[in-house]
Amino acid sequence: MTGVSDLRLVAAAIAGIALAILMIVRGRLHPFMGLLCGAFAVGLLAGLPLIDTAKAVQKGVGDIIGGTGLVVALGLSLGAMLHLSGAASALANSALRLTGPRAAPWATLGIAIVIGLPLFFETGLVLLLPIVVAAAKAMADGATPEARDAAKLRLIMPALAGLGVVHALVPPHPGPLLAVEALGADLGLTMLYGVVIAIPIAVLAGPVLARFVTPGIRLTEPVLSDPVIDLATPSRGRALFIVLLPIVLIASGELAKLVPALADSAILAAAANPVLALLIANLMALPLLFGRRLSEAAIQESIWHETMGAAGAILLAIGAGGALKQVLVSAGLSDLLARVVMMYAISPLLLGWLVAVGIRLAAGSATVATITAVGVMPGVVAASGASPELVVLAIGAGSVFFSHVNDPGFWLVKGYMGTSTADTFRTWSLLETVISVAGLIMVAGLSYIV
């Protein structure tokens, strides 16, 4: 990597990403605007003609929105239904009632993993934390303020860990799913490997880490939200069925590939498509969660108002991330990284993780970090022969490294936990970093087994 053109490309990438950071963090612009400007800056500084840069931006946005946009929208609508109907609350409350204070952190971790499977991190957070905080208050009733705060955190941190690991490592979350498609990985294997490493990582980052970081942290009253529709709460069985349905559909479709008698089943093959699986789950959720009231205008308006408000911001951000990715690819960064791996024998898993970490620290968004990293890694995977499934997981682990002030999730978690900014670094940022580093270690270990 000594050529002038290579050095120019690296400098262009760094400068463009730095511009995006300044516009987002200092200029307070939405990531959509900052990342688009950064994408154009990379192209122009790397020597791409302006018209070619514009075409790359359009292609990048189109590829991401076309490939992942439907999954984003359907996942958000399913989350809105689970939230507004009270189904997620019913699941969480039922599980917490079955456990005592000693087992509550482990129950919270399990609840977060199950509820987090079909939901975005932000949606799962809004659904779960009000319930967890209420349960913690009840369990610590009569204790000192310090003991109450510690009890809350010992339940909140496992919930955050459970949501965080599935967001980073387990499809059909948009980041891992996009990485699967971009790198040509097997969806079923990626889900299997992701679940295998996600559970021990969540244990480490949740209940175990909470024992060491909770002492001495004081909490204020958090900002919490509850469902605003007066509905009869769905049964636990219905709620659990809807939560698990898209995962079961995708897994069954992938399992059919391994069973010769089912290999030719068009229905099972179609079920493995995340868009179809989530659409079926949405259609089933409407009557099962809302019953006869699903035709009421107020309920339909609430579902889609909550869905579209969140979808707009997410789709714009990941679309701009796709634009930056495509400009980097068009400028030749993917080919450059492939040459570096071959020349210096750098582990593709480590390289993917490092690229995702760099974008995560720069842009804040885990999904944008994943999109950008996978965009420049196909050449590396092809040249090195690395397992695309493990590269997907390494990038997912890198995408959640050290959440800080340019990550909207940082402020969302801070508001829901009721921590100071410094204590949010001490808890949430450390938790995400543990997930990231432990994820890389476990993916590297898995590479020696599979």
Protein backbone atom coordinates (compact mmCIF):
# COMPACT_ATOMS: atom_id res chain seq x y z
CA MET A 1 0.00 0.00 0.00
CA THR A 2 2.72 2.45 -1.04
CA GLY A 3 1.26 3.85 -4.25
CA VAL A 4 0.27 7.50 -4.42
CA SER A 5 -3.23 6.54 -5.57
CA ASP A 6 -3.65 4.20 -2.60
CA LEU A 7 -2.54 6.89 -0.16
CA ARG A 8 -4.89 9.36 -1.80
CA LEU A 9 -7.77 6.92 -1.46
CA VAL A 10 -7.08 6.32 2.25
CA ALA A 11 -6.76 10.08 2.86
CA ALA A 12 -10.01 10.71 0.97
CA ALA A 13 -11.86 8.10 3.03
CA ILE A 14 -10.57 9.55 6.30
CA ALA A 15 -11.35 13.13 5.26
CA GLY A 16 -14.85 12.30 4.05
CA ILE A 17 -15.72 10.40 7.20
CA ALA A 18 -14.24 13.21 9.33
CA LEU A 19 -16.44 15.72 7.50
CA ALA A 20 -19.50 13.58 8.22
CA ILE A 21 -18.55 13.47 11.91
CA LEU A 22 -18.13 17.23 12.14
CA MET A 23 -21.48 17.87 10.47
CA ILE A 24 -23.28 15.37 12.71
CA VAL A 25 -21.58 16.12 16.04
CA ARG A 26 -20.62 19.78 15.76
CA GLY A 27 -23.14 20.96 13.21
CA ARG A 28 -26.01 19.01 14.84
CA LEU A 29 -27.20 17.83 11.43
CA HIS A 30 -29.13 14.60 10.97
CA PRO A 31 -26.85 11.67 10.03
CA PHE A 32 -28.67 11.53 6.69
CA MET A 33 -27.26 14.92 5.66
CA GLY A 34 -23.84 14.43 7.22
CA LEU A 35 -23.26 11.02 5.64
CA LEU A 36 -24.41 12.18 2.20
CA CYS A 37 -21.99 15.11 2.32
CA GLY A 38 -19.24 12.79 3.51
CA ALA A 39 -19.97 10.41 0.62
CA PHE A 40 -19.61 13.21 -1.96
CA ALA A 41 -16.43 14.42 -0.27
CA VAL A 42 -14.87 10.94 -0.45
CA GLY A 43 -15.65 10.63 -4.14
CA LEU A 44 -14.32 14.03 -5.13
CA LEU A 45 -11.16 13.77 -2.99
CA ALA A 46 -10.47 10.27 -4.35
CA GLY A 47 -10.60 11.57 -7.91
CA LEU A 48 -14.00 10.26 -9.00
CA PRO A 49 -15.83 12.57 -11.44
CA LEU A 50 -18.75 14.39 -9.85
CA ILE A 51 -21.31 12.63 -12.03
CA ASP A 52 -19.87 9.20 -11.14
CA THR A 53 -19.92 10.10 -7.46
CA ALA A 54 -23.58 11.13 -7.73
CA LYS A 55 -24.44 7.85 -9.48
CA ALA A 56 -22.62 5.88 -6.78
CA VAL A 57 -24.59 7.75 -4.09
CA GLN A 58 -27.88 6.96 -5.83
CA LYS A 59 -26.95 3.31 -6.29
CA GLY A 60 -25.86 2.97 -2.66
CA VAL A 61 -29.10 4.42 -1.32
CA GLY A 62 -31.19 2.34 -3.72
CA ASP A 63 -29.43 -0.91 -2.88
CA ILE A 64 -29.85 -0.45 0.86
CA ILE A 65 -33.44 0.77 0.82
CA GLY A 66 -34.44 -1.84 -1.75
CA GLY A 67 -32.75 -4.70 0.07
CA THR A 68 -33.32 -3.78 3.70
CA GLY A 69 -36.04 -1.12 3.71
CA LEU A 70 -38.93 -3.58 3.74
CA VAL A 71 -37.38 -5.53 6.61
CA VAL A 72 -36.93 -2.27 8.55
CA ALA A 73 -40.53 -1.18 7.99
CA LEU A 74 -42.05 -4.59 8.75
CA GLY A 75 -39.91 -5.01 11.86
CA LEU A 76 -40.94 -1.60 13.14
CA SER A 77 -44.64 -2.25 12.49
CA LEU A 78 -44.43 -5.57 14.35
CA GLY A 79 -42.72 -3.78 17.22
CA ALA A 80 -45.44 -1.13 17.26
CA MET A 81 -48.13 -3.81 17.48
CA LEU A 82 -46.37 -5.60 20.34
CA HIS A 83 -45.93 -2.28 22.13
CA LEU A 84 -49.40 -0.77 21.67
CA SER A 85 -51.25 -4.01 22.40
CA GLY A 86 -49.32 -4.59 25.62
CA ALA A 87 -48.16 -8.01 24.38
CA ALA A 88 -44.49 -7.38 25.16
CA SER A 89 -45.39 -6.07 28.60
CA ALA A 90 -47.47 -9.18 29.26
CA LEU A 91 -44.54 -11.44 28.42
CA ALA A 92 -42.07 -9.53 30.53
CA ASN A 93 -44.33 -9.14 33.54
CA SER A 94 -45.24 -12.83 33.50
CA ALA A 95 -41.62 -13.93 33.43
CA LEU A 96 -40.56 -11.52 36.18
CA ARG A 97 -43.42 -12.65 38.44
CA LEU A 98 -42.11 -16.21 38.25
CA THR A 99 -38.68 -15.25 39.59
CA GLY A 100 -37.48 -13.89 42.89
CA PRO A 101 -35.01 -11.02 43.26
CA ARG A 102 -32.02 -13.37 43.01
CA ALA A 103 -33.03 -14.82 39.63
CA ALA A 104 -34.59 -11.63 38.23
CA PRO A 105 -31.46 -10.45 36.31
CA TRP A 106 -31.29 -13.78 34.50
CA ALA A 107 -35.00 -13.68 33.72
CA THR A 108 -34.60 -10.14 32.40
CA LEU A 109 -31.74 -11.26 30.17
CA GLY A 110 -33.82 -14.09 28.71
CA ILE A 111 -36.81 -11.81 28.18
CA ALA A 112 -34.66 -9.25 26.36
CA ILE A 113 -33.18 -11.86 24.02
CA VAL A 114 -36.61 -13.30 23.15
CA ILE A 115 -38.34 -9.92 22.75
CA GLY A 116 -35.33 -8.47 20.95
CA LEU A 117 -35.22 -11.13 18.23
CA PRO A 118 -37.86 -9.57 15.94
CA LEU A 119 -37.46 -5.95 17.13
CA PHE A 120 -35.07 -3.07 16.61
CA PHE A 121 -32.92 -2.15 19.57
CA GLU A 122 -34.71 1.16 20.11
CA THR A 123 -38.13 -0.51 19.95
CA GLY A 124 -37.11 -3.23 22.38
CA LEU A 125 -35.71 -0.62 24.72
CA VAL A 126 -38.94 1.38 24.74
CA LEU A 127 -40.95 -1.80 25.29
CA LEU A 128 -38.86 -3.42 27.98
CA LEU A 129 -37.26 -0.81 30.22
CA PRO A 130 -40.47 0.64 31.72
CA ILE A 131 -41.39 -2.89 32.83
CA VAL A 132 -37.92 -3.63 34.17
CA VAL A 133 -37.75 -0.36 36.12
CA ALA A 134 -41.19 -0.97 37.64
CA ALA A 135 -40.18 -4.52 38.63
CA ALA A 136 -36.94 -3.24 40.17
CA LYS A 137 -38.82 -0.65 42.22
CA ALA A 138 -41.16 -3.31 43.55
CA MET A 139 -38.32 -5.67 44.43
CA ALA A 140 -36.31 -2.97 46.23
CA ASP A 141 -39.25 -1.44 48.08
CA GLY A 142 -38.13 -0.24 51.51
CA ALA A 143 -34.41 -0.40 50.73
CA THR A 144 -32.00 2.53 50.91
CA PRO A 145 -31.70 4.81 47.83
CA GLU A 146 -28.31 3.29 47.01
CA ALA A 147 -29.73 -0.25 47.21
CA ARG A 148 -32.71 0.71 45.05
CA ASP A 149 -30.48 2.19 42.36
CA ALA A 150 -28.22 -0.87 42.38
CA ALA A 151 -31.26 -3.17 42.13
CA LYS A 152 -32.56 -1.24 39.13
CA LEU A 153 -29.23 -1.40 37.33
CA ARG A 154 -28.84 -5.11 38.03
CA LEU A 155 -32.07 -5.62 36.06
CA ILE A 156 -31.58 -2.91 33.43
CA MET A 157 -28.08 -3.94 32.33
CA PRO A 158 -29.04 -7.56 31.51
CA ALA A 159 -31.97 -6.19 29.50
CA LEU A 160 -29.62 -3.90 27.56
CA ALA A 161 -27.16 -6.76 27.03
CA GLY A 162 -29.85 -9.08 25.69
CA LEU A 163 -31.15 -6.46 23.29
CA GLY A 164 -27.63 -5.43 22.26
CA VAL A 165 -26.31 -8.87 21.35
CA VAL A 166 -29.23 -9.87 19.14
CA HIS A 167 -29.12 -6.45 17.47
CA ALA A 168 -25.45 -6.94 16.59
CA LEU A 169 -25.22 -10.67 15.91
CA VAL A 170 -28.53 -12.30 15.03
CA PRO A 171 -30.52 -11.82 11.78
CA PRO A 172 -33.19 -10.71 10.90
CA HIS A 173 -31.96 -7.49 12.48
CA PRO A 174 -31.19 -5.13 9.59
CA GLY A 175 -27.43 -4.90 10.12
CA PRO A 176 -26.64 -8.64 10.25
CA LEU A 177 -29.24 -9.35 7.55
CA LEU A 178 -27.71 -6.82 5.20
CA ALA A 179 -24.25 -8.25 5.88
CA VAL A 180 -25.52 -11.75 5.06
CA GLU A 181 -26.83 -10.56 1.70
CA ALA A 182 -23.77 -8.45 0.83
CA LEU A 183 -21.22 -11.17 1.64
CA GLY A 184 -23.22 -14.09 0.28
CA ALA A 185 -23.35 -15.80 3.68
CA ASP A 186 -25.78 -18.57 4.55
CA LEU A 187 -28.62 -17.04 6.56
CA GLY A 188 -29.37 -20.17 8.59
CA LEU A 189 -25.73 -20.74 9.55
CA THR A 190 -25.29 -17.08 10.46
CA MET A 191 -28.34 -17.25 12.72
CA LEU A 192 -27.06 -20.45 14.33
CA TYR A 193 -23.54 -19.13 14.93
CA GLY A 194 -24.96 -15.81 16.11
CA VAL A 195 -27.19 -17.41 18.72
CA VAL A 196 -24.38 -19.70 19.90
CA ILE A 197 -22.06 -16.79 20.68
CA ALA A 198 -24.75 -14.26 21.63
CA ILE A 199 -25.90 -16.11 24.75
CA PRO A 200 -22.56 -16.30 26.60
CA ILE A 201 -21.68 -12.76 25.50
CA ALA A 202 -25.00 -11.49 26.88
CA VAL A 203 -24.34 -13.26 30.19
CA LEU A 204 -20.92 -11.62 30.43
CA ALA A 205 -22.07 -8.14 29.43
CA GLY A 206 -25.27 -8.28 31.47
CA PRO A 207 -25.55 -10.01 34.86
CA VAL A 208 -21.79 -10.50 35.31
CA LEU A 209 -20.72 -6.98 34.35
CA ALA A 210 -23.54 -5.43 36.37
CA ARG A 211 -22.07 -6.84 39.59
CA PHE A 212 -18.91 -4.79 39.07
CA VAL A 213 -20.20 -1.46 37.72
CA THR A 214 -23.43 -0.82 39.65
CA PRO A 215 -22.01 0.12 43.07
CA GLY A 216 -21.93 3.87 43.63
CA ILE A 217 -24.09 4.87 40.65
CA ARG A 218 -27.07 7.10 41.48
CA LEU A 219 -30.12 7.33 39.24
CA THR A 220 -32.67 10.03 38.57
CA GLU A 221 -36.25 9.29 37.57
CA PRO A 222 -36.06 8.07 33.95
CA VAL A 223 -38.30 9.13 31.10
CA LEU A 224 -40.58 6.17 30.42
CA SER A 225 -43.43 5.54 28.03
CA ASP A 226 -46.39 3.17 28.16
CA PRO A 227 -48.98 2.06 25.63
CA VAL A 228 -51.58 4.77 25.10
CA ILE A 229 -54.39 2.57 23.76
CA ASP A 230 -56.89 1.10 26.19
CA LEU A 231 -56.93 -2.57 25.15
CA ALA A 232 -57.39 -5.92 26.79
CA THR A 233 -53.90 -7.38 27.15
CA PRO A 234 -53.32 -10.36 24.83
CA SER A 235 -52.58 -13.70 26.39
CA ARG A 236 -48.97 -14.71 27.01
CA GLY A 237 -49.29 -17.54 24.51
CA ARG A 238 -50.38 -15.21 21.72
CA ALA A 239 -47.66 -12.71 22.54
CA LEU A 240 -44.93 -15.37 22.53
CA PHE A 241 -46.26 -16.86 19.30
CA ILE A 242 -46.02 -13.51 17.49
CA VAL A 243 -42.54 -12.78 18.85
CA LEU A 244 -41.14 -16.14 17.74
CA LEU A 245 -43.10 -16.58 14.49
CA PRO A 246 -40.70 -14.75 12.09
CA ILE A 247 -37.69 -16.50 13.63
CA VAL A 248 -39.32 -19.93 13.30
CA LEU A 249 -40.35 -19.25 9.69
CA ILE A 250 -36.84 -18.19 8.68
CA ALA A 251 -35.23 -21.07 10.56
CA SER A 252 -37.61 -23.65 9.06
CA GLY A 253 -36.83 -22.45 5.57
CA GLU A 254 -33.11 -22.74 6.21
CA LEU A 255 -33.53 -26.14 7.89
CA ALA A 256 -35.30 -27.44 4.79
CA LYS A 257 -32.04 -27.03 2.87
CA LEU A 258 -30.43 -29.61 5.16
CA VAL A 259 -33.22 -32.23 4.84
CA PRO A 260 -33.28 -33.88 1.39
CA ALA A 261 -36.99 -34.70 1.60
CA LEU A 262 -37.83 -31.03 2.17
CA ALA A 263 -35.22 -29.49 -0.12
CA ASP A 264 -37.70 -29.00 -2.99
CA SER A 265 -40.44 -27.44 -0.85
CA ALA A 266 -41.25 -24.07 -2.42
CA ILE A 267 -43.25 -23.02 0.65
CA LEU A 268 -40.41 -23.61 3.10
CA ALA A 269 -37.92 -21.98 0.75
CA ALA A 270 -40.11 -18.90 0.56
CA ALA A 271 -40.50 -18.87 4.36
CA ALA A 272 -36.76 -18.28 4.70
CA ASN A 273 -37.18 -14.88 3.06
CA PRO A 274 -37.17 -12.33 5.93
CA VAL A 275 -39.59 -10.00 4.14
CA LEU A 276 -42.18 -12.74 3.72
CA ALA A 277 -41.63 -14.05 7.26
CA LEU A 278 -42.11 -10.59 8.78
CA LEU A 279 -45.13 -9.88 6.57
CA ILE A 280 -46.80 -13.11 7.74
CA ALA A 281 -46.00 -12.20 11.36
CA ASN A 282 -47.54 -8.74 10.87
CA LEU A 283 -50.69 -10.18 9.33
CA MET A 284 -51.03 -12.72 12.14
CA ALA A 285 -50.34 -10.11 14.81
CA LEU A 286 -53.23 -7.85 13.83
CA PRO A 287 -56.09 -10.24 14.73
CA LEU A 288 -54.24 -12.09 17.50
CA LEU A 289 -53.15 -8.96 19.39
CA PHE A 290 -56.04 -6.59 18.67
CA GLY A 291 -58.99 -8.93 18.10
CA ARG A 292 -62.16 -7.32 16.84
CA ARG A 293 -60.79 -3.85 17.50
CA LEU A 294 -58.16 -4.05 14.75
CA SER A 295 -60.55 -2.32 12.31
CA GLU A 296 -60.91 0.75 14.55
CA ALA A 297 -59.44 3.83 12.90
CA ALA A 298 -57.73 5.01 16.10
CA ILE A 299 -55.88 1.74 16.54
CA GLN A 300 -54.75 1.54 12.92
CA GLU A 301 -53.65 5.17 13.04
CA SER A 302 -51.65 4.58 16.25
CA ILE A 303 -49.88 1.52 14.81
CA TRP A 304 -48.81 3.19 11.60
CA HIS A 305 -48.07 6.57 13.16
CA GLU A 306 -45.61 4.93 15.56
CA THR A 307 -44.17 2.80 12.74
CA MET A 308 -43.66 5.55 10.18
CA GLY A 309 -42.23 8.06 12.63
CA ALA A 310 -39.41 5.70 13.50
CA ALA A 311 -39.03 4.25 10.01
CA GLY A 312 -38.39 7.62 8.39
CA ALA A 313 -35.36 8.46 10.50
CA ILE A 314 -33.92 4.94 10.31
CA LEU A 315 -34.37 4.55 6.55
CA LEU A 316 -32.79 7.93 5.84
CA ALA A 317 -29.78 7.17 8.03
CA ILE A 318 -29.11 3.69 6.65
CA GLY A 319 -29.72 4.92 3.10
CA ALA A 320 -27.04 7.59 3.51
CA GLY A 321 -24.78 4.95 5.04
CA GLY A 322 -25.31 2.90 1.91
CA ALA A 323 -24.33 5.92 -0.19
CA LEU A 324 -21.05 6.30 1.70
CA LYS A 325 -20.38 2.59 1.34
CA GLN A 326 -20.95 2.61 -2.41
CA VAL A 327 -18.70 5.62 -2.99
CA LEU A 328 -15.93 3.90 -1.02
CA VAL A 329 -16.39 0.78 -3.16
CA SER A 330 -16.50 2.75 -6.41
CA ALA A 331 -13.34 4.59 -5.41
CA GLY A 332 -11.57 1.25 -4.95
CA LEU A 333 -11.31 0.85 -1.17
CA SER A 334 -12.63 -2.73 -1.28
CA ASP A 335 -9.90 -3.76 -3.73
CA LEU A 336 -7.29 -1.94 -1.66
CA LEU A 337 -8.27 -3.80 1.51
CA ALA A 338 -8.17 -7.12 -0.35
CA ARG A 339 -4.60 -6.41 -1.47
CA VAL A 340 -3.59 -5.42 2.07
CA VAL A 341 -4.95 -8.70 3.46
CA MET A 342 -3.04 -10.74 0.90
CA MET A 343 0.21 -8.78 1.33
CA TYR A 344 0.35 -8.65 5.11
CA ALA A 345 -1.66 -11.77 6.10
CA ILE A 346 -4.12 -9.75 8.20
CA SER A 347 -7.05 -11.77 9.55
CA PRO A 348 -10.22 -10.91 7.57
CA LEU A 349 -12.19 -11.26 10.82
CA LEU A 350 -9.99 -8.69 12.57
CA LEU A 351 -10.03 -6.38 9.56
CA GLY A 352 -13.81 -6.47 9.27
CA TRP A 353 -14.11 -5.80 12.99
CA LEU A 354 -11.67 -2.87 12.84
CA VAL A 355 -13.40 -1.25 9.87
CA ALA A 356 -16.77 -1.54 11.65
CA VAL A 357 -15.26 -0.13 14.86
CA GLY A 358 -13.86 2.86 12.97
CA ILE A 359 -17.18 3.68 11.32
CA ARG A 360 -19.05 3.10 14.58
CA LEU A 361 -16.84 5.55 16.46
CA ALA A 362 -17.11 8.04 13.61
CA ALA A 363 -20.76 7.86 12.61
CA GLY A 364 -22.40 6.55 15.80
CA SER A 365 -24.90 4.21 14.17
CA ALA A 366 -24.28 0.47 14.47
CA THR A 367 -26.33 -0.20 11.34
CA VAL A 368 -24.40 2.40 9.31
CA ALA A 369 -21.14 0.86 10.59
CA THR A 370 -22.26 -2.57 9.40
CA ILE A 371 -23.43 -1.29 6.02
CA THR A 372 -20.17 0.53 5.36
CA ALA A 373 -17.95 -2.30 6.56
CA VAL A 374 -19.66 -5.06 4.57
CA GLY A 375 -19.56 -2.87 1.50
CA VAL A 376 -15.77 -2.89 1.42
CA MET A 377 -15.26 -6.50 2.55
CA PRO A 378 -16.51 -8.73 -0.33
CA GLY A 379 -13.14 -8.53 -2.08
CA VAL A 380 -11.39 -9.45 1.17
CA VAL A 381 -13.66 -12.47 1.73
CA ALA A 382 -13.19 -13.67 -1.84
CA ALA A 383 -9.40 -13.23 -1.77
CA SER A 384 -8.86 -14.84 1.63
CA GLY A 385 -11.43 -17.65 1.51
CA ALA A 386 -12.70 -16.67 4.97
CA SER A 387 -16.08 -17.90 6.15
CA PRO A 388 -18.57 -15.18 5.14
CA GLU A 389 -20.79 -16.13 8.09
CA LEU A 390 -17.99 -15.44 10.57
CA VAL A 391 -17.04 -12.20 8.82
CA VAL A 392 -20.68 -11.11 9.17
CA LEU A 393 -20.51 -11.76 12.92
CA ALA A 394 -17.12 -10.05 13.30
CA ILE A 395 -18.47 -6.94 11.58
CA GLY A 396 -21.61 -7.08 13.73
CA ALA A 397 -19.47 -7.22 16.86
CA GLY A 398 -17.39 -4.28 15.70
CA SER A 399 -20.48 -2.24 14.89
CA VAL A 400 -21.47 -1.89 18.57
CA PHE A 401 -18.06 -0.86 19.95
CA PHE A 402 -18.18 1.95 22.56
CA SER A 403 -21.42 3.82 22.07
CA HIS A 404 -20.80 7.50 22.80
CA VAL A 405 -22.24 10.99 22.26
CA ASN A 406 -22.72 10.74 18.48
CA ASP A 407 -24.88 7.61 18.88
CA PRO A 408 -28.61 8.40 19.29
CA GLY A 409 -28.88 5.17 21.28
CA PHE A 410 -26.51 6.62 23.89
CA TRP A 411 -28.93 9.40 24.75
CA LEU A 412 -31.94 7.09 24.54
CA VAL A 413 -30.37 4.69 27.05
CA LYS A 414 -29.28 7.58 29.28
CA GLY A 415 -32.83 8.91 29.41
CA TYR A 416 -34.38 5.53 30.14
CA MET A 417 -31.84 4.51 32.77
CA GLY A 418 -31.75 7.88 34.50
CA THR A 419 -27.93 7.97 34.65
CA SER A 420 -25.62 10.96 34.33
CA THR A 421 -23.54 11.26 31.16
CA ALA A 422 -20.44 10.01 32.98
CA ASP A 423 -22.30 7.03 34.45
CA THR A 424 -23.81 6.24 31.04
CA PHE A 425 -20.24 5.83 29.78
CA ARG A 426 -19.47 3.68 32.81
CA THR A 427 -22.45 1.39 32.23
CA TRP A 428 -23.88 1.45 28.71
CA SER A 429 -20.71 2.34 26.77
CA LEU A 430 -18.71 -0.25 28.71
CA LEU A 431 -21.43 -2.86 28.15
CA GLU A 432 -21.38 -2.29 24.38
CA THR A 433 -17.58 -2.49 24.34
CA VAL A 434 -17.66 -5.80 26.21
CA ILE A 435 -20.13 -7.17 23.65
CA SER A 436 -17.88 -5.99 20.83
CA VAL A 437 -14.57 -7.32 22.14
CA ALA A 438 -16.05 -10.58 23.45
CA GLY A 439 -17.80 -11.01 20.12
CA LEU A 440 -14.53 -10.74 18.22
CA ILE A 441 -12.83 -13.22 20.57
CA MET A 442 -15.65 -15.75 20.27
CA VAL A 443 -15.89 -15.41 16.49
CA ALA A 444 -12.12 -15.96 16.26
CA GLY A 445 -12.46 -19.04 18.47
CA LEU A 446 -15.35 -20.31 16.38
CA SER A 447 -13.20 -20.01 13.25
CA TYR A 448 -11.00 -22.82 14.57
CA ILE A 449 -13.99 -25.12 15.06
CA VAL A 450 -16.19 -24.65 11.98
